[in-house]
Amino acid sequence: MAEGEGVRRRDFINIAAVSAAGIGGVATLVPLISQMAPSKDVLAESTTELDLSAIEPGQAIKAVFRKQPVFVRNLTPKEIQEANAVPVSSLRDPQTLAERTKEGHENWLVTMGVCTHLGCVPLGAGEGENRGEFGGYFCPCHGSHYDTAARIRKGPAPTNLVVPDYTFNSDTVIVIG
């Protein structure tokens, strides 16, 4: 019997030692991992909420999302018709307007305001700015022309203006990011 008690006592000491080491390891790792979480100011910039109620059909606004410009355009029925009339096979970066907008909100086009050629900010979102040959956006740096659906139609830009992730919180409020 004395031998059985020794084994039990040794097992208890091993379990206690391993448990103490495990608790110490967790206590060490928790602060190391939690310090890698983004700070509150970074989290605040991770999304942008925009009220669309003041944007009339045919108008566009410039906003900022993650320190980059964003264009939000309220397309007119004529602009939607023009965008849908373009044969997708003729586009350098083929996308339909429906692929670039949200279902039920086809008149709202949200794109990053950064030319896909070398990162300049295209014109066309502000009142009276040059919208290029296709009525969308025009990049003055190297002459890229985008249509009303922000698809590349002419110039050196390789792809369409990027559509960021966004959701509609209501009919007039979107959250980008």
Protein backbone atom coordinates (compact mmCIF):
# COMPACT_ATOMS: atom_id res chain seq x y z
CA MET A 1 0.00 0.00 0.00
CA ALA A 2 2.83 2.44 0.67
CA GLU A 3 3.90 2.17 -2.96
CA GLY A 4 0.36 3.08 -4.25
CA GLU A 5 0.25 6.18 -2.07
CA GLY A 6 3.58 7.42 -3.49
CA VAL A 7 2.30 7.09 -7.02
CA ARG A 8 -0.84 9.04 -6.16
CA ARG A 9 1.15 11.77 -4.47
CA ARG A 10 3.53 12.01 -7.46
CA ASP A 11 0.57 12.23 -9.87
CA PHE A 12 -0.92 15.05 -7.81
CA ILE A 13 2.37 16.98 -7.85
CA ASN A 14 2.70 16.52 -11.64
CA ILE A 15 -0.89 17.69 -12.25
CA ALA A 16 -0.39 20.70 -9.97
CA ALA A 17 2.88 21.64 -11.69
CA VAL A 18 1.41 21.34 -15.21
CA SER A 19 -1.68 23.33 -14.15
CA ALA A 20 0.46 26.10 -12.67
CA ALA A 21 2.56 26.24 -15.85
CA GLY A 22 -0.61 26.36 -18.00
CA ILE A 23 -2.10 29.19 -15.93
CA GLY A 24 1.20 31.07 -16.11
CA GLY A 25 1.34 30.59 -19.89
CA VAL A 26 -2.20 31.88 -20.36
CA ALA A 27 -1.52 34.83 -18.05
CA THR A 28 1.51 35.68 -20.19
CA LEU A 29 -0.22 35.26 -23.58
CA VAL A 30 -3.43 37.22 -22.87
CA PRO A 31 -1.74 40.66 -22.67
CA LEU A 32 0.49 39.86 -25.66
CA ILE A 33 -2.47 38.92 -27.85
CA SER A 34 -4.79 41.68 -26.65
CA GLN A 35 -2.22 44.39 -27.43
CA MET A 36 -2.45 43.36 -31.11
CA ALA A 37 -6.14 44.38 -31.30
CA PRO A 38 -6.81 47.62 -33.19
CA SER A 39 -7.07 50.78 -31.13
CA LYS A 40 -10.32 52.76 -30.81
CA ASP A 41 -9.23 55.41 -33.32
CA VAL A 42 -8.48 52.72 -35.92
CA LEU A 43 -11.84 51.05 -35.31
CA ALA A 44 -13.57 54.41 -35.72
CA GLU A 45 -12.08 54.78 -39.22
CA SER A 46 -12.94 51.22 -40.27
CA THR A 47 -16.44 52.24 -41.40
CA THR A 48 -18.02 55.38 -42.79
CA GLU A 49 -21.71 56.16 -42.50
CA LEU A 50 -23.24 58.47 -45.11
CA ASP A 51 -26.67 60.08 -45.32
CA LEU A 52 -27.79 60.08 -48.96
CA SER A 53 -31.01 62.06 -48.52
CA ALA A 54 -29.53 65.38 -49.77
CA ILE A 55 -28.10 63.95 -53.02
CA GLU A 56 -30.40 64.74 -55.94
CA PRO A 57 -30.58 62.50 -59.04
CA GLY A 58 -27.59 63.27 -61.25
CA GLN A 59 -25.51 64.58 -58.34
CA ALA A 60 -22.49 62.99 -56.69
CA ILE A 61 -20.64 63.62 -53.45
CA LYS A 62 -17.12 62.96 -52.28
CA ALA A 63 -16.60 61.37 -48.89
CA VAL A 64 -13.63 59.80 -47.10
CA PHE A 65 -13.27 56.12 -46.25
CA ARG A 66 -10.03 54.88 -44.68
CA LYS A 67 -8.29 58.12 -45.69
CA GLN A 68 -9.22 57.65 -49.36
CA PRO A 69 -11.88 59.44 -51.40
CA VAL A 70 -15.21 57.75 -52.10
CA PHE A 71 -17.68 58.86 -54.76
CA VAL A 72 -21.40 58.33 -54.19
CA ARG A 73 -23.58 59.12 -57.20
CA ASN A 74 -27.36 59.17 -57.48
CA LEU A 75 -27.82 58.01 -61.08
CA THR A 76 -30.65 59.42 -63.17
CA PRO A 77 -32.89 57.04 -65.16
CA LYS A 78 -31.10 58.28 -68.31
CA GLU A 79 -27.65 57.44 -66.84
CA ILE A 80 -28.90 54.00 -65.81
CA GLN A 81 -30.28 53.43 -69.31
CA GLU A 82 -26.98 54.56 -70.90
CA ALA A 83 -24.97 52.25 -68.63
CA ASN A 84 -27.24 49.28 -69.35
CA ALA A 85 -27.12 49.94 -73.12
CA VAL A 86 -23.34 49.36 -73.29
CA PRO A 87 -22.48 45.84 -74.50
CA VAL A 88 -20.55 44.26 -71.64
CA SER A 89 -18.34 42.38 -74.11
CA SER A 90 -16.99 45.73 -75.37
CA LEU A 91 -15.63 46.69 -71.94
CA ARG A 92 -12.01 46.25 -70.86
CA ASP A 93 -13.17 45.18 -67.38
CA PRO A 94 -16.61 43.67 -68.09
CA GLN A 95 -19.19 44.40 -65.40
CA THR A 96 -22.85 45.30 -65.62
CA LEU A 97 -24.33 48.17 -63.66
CA ALA A 98 -26.30 45.62 -61.63
CA GLU A 99 -23.02 44.00 -60.54
CA ARG A 100 -21.74 47.37 -59.33
CA THR A 101 -24.85 48.43 -57.36
CA LYS A 102 -27.09 46.87 -54.71
CA GLU A 103 -30.39 45.24 -55.63
CA GLY A 104 -33.27 47.60 -54.98
CA HIS A 105 -30.89 50.57 -54.98
CA GLU A 106 -29.68 50.49 -58.59
CA ASN A 107 -29.59 54.28 -58.75
CA TRP A 108 -26.86 54.51 -56.05
CA LEU A 109 -23.33 53.96 -57.33
CA VAL A 110 -20.63 53.87 -54.63
CA THR A 111 -17.01 53.70 -55.79
CA MET A 112 -13.57 54.48 -54.45
CA GLY A 113 -12.39 57.80 -55.90
CA VAL A 114 -8.99 56.46 -56.89
CA CYS A 115 -8.01 55.87 -60.52
CA THR A 116 -6.89 52.29 -61.05
CA HIS A 117 -3.98 53.41 -63.22
CA LEU A 118 -1.67 55.24 -60.81
CA GLY A 119 -3.94 56.32 -57.95
CA CYS A 120 -4.93 59.87 -58.92
CA VAL A 121 -8.34 61.22 -57.92
CA PRO A 122 -10.64 61.43 -60.97
CA LEU A 123 -12.89 64.41 -61.66
CA GLY A 124 -16.64 64.14 -62.07
CA ALA A 125 -18.03 63.95 -58.55
CA GLY A 126 -18.02 67.71 -57.98
CA GLU A 127 -20.39 70.23 -59.52
CA GLY A 128 -19.12 71.40 -62.91
CA GLU A 129 -16.13 69.03 -63.03
CA ASN A 130 -15.08 67.35 -66.28
CA ARG A 131 -16.87 63.99 -66.51
CA GLY A 132 -14.98 62.78 -69.56
CA GLU A 133 -16.27 61.49 -72.89
CA PHE A 134 -18.67 58.99 -71.32
CA GLY A 135 -20.33 61.18 -68.68
CA GLY A 136 -18.88 59.45 -65.65
CA TYR A 137 -15.44 60.33 -64.33
CA PHE A 138 -12.25 61.66 -65.92
CA CYS A 139 -8.75 61.22 -64.52
CA PRO A 140 -6.70 64.30 -65.44
CA CYS A 141 -3.35 62.68 -64.64
CA HIS A 142 -3.19 60.34 -67.64
CA GLY A 143 -6.56 60.70 -69.39
CA SER A 144 -8.64 57.72 -68.25
CA HIS A 145 -12.35 58.08 -69.04
CA TYR A 146 -15.01 56.22 -67.02
CA ASP A 147 -18.71 55.91 -67.90
CA THR A 148 -21.74 56.57 -65.68
CA ALA A 149 -21.24 53.17 -64.02
CA ALA A 150 -17.57 54.06 -63.26
CA ARG A 151 -16.35 51.47 -65.76
CA ILE A 152 -13.13 52.17 -67.66
CA ARG A 153 -13.89 53.05 -71.28
CA LYS A 154 -10.77 54.86 -72.56
CA GLY A 155 -7.25 55.55 -71.33
CA PRO A 156 -4.52 53.66 -69.49
CA ALA A 157 -6.48 52.53 -66.40
CA PRO A 158 -6.63 48.71 -66.40
CA THR A 159 -9.83 48.21 -64.38
CA ASN A 160 -13.05 49.90 -63.31
CA LEU A 161 -13.19 52.13 -60.24
CA VAL A 162 -13.37 49.85 -57.20
CA VAL A 163 -16.72 49.34 -55.48
CA PRO A 164 -16.08 49.04 -51.71
CA ASP A 165 -18.12 46.82 -49.41
CA TYR A 166 -21.17 48.75 -48.25
CA THR A 167 -24.65 48.12 -46.92
CA PHE A 168 -27.85 50.11 -46.74
CA ASN A 169 -29.02 50.69 -43.15
CA SER A 170 -32.12 52.41 -44.53
CA ASP A 171 -33.20 53.84 -47.89
CA THR A 172 -31.08 56.93 -47.27
CA VAL A 173 -28.17 55.76 -45.08
CA ILE A 174 -25.25 53.58 -46.15
CA VAL A 175 -22.35 52.18 -44.15
CA ILE A 176 -19.13 51.67 -46.08
CA GLY A 177 -16.75 49.08 -44.69
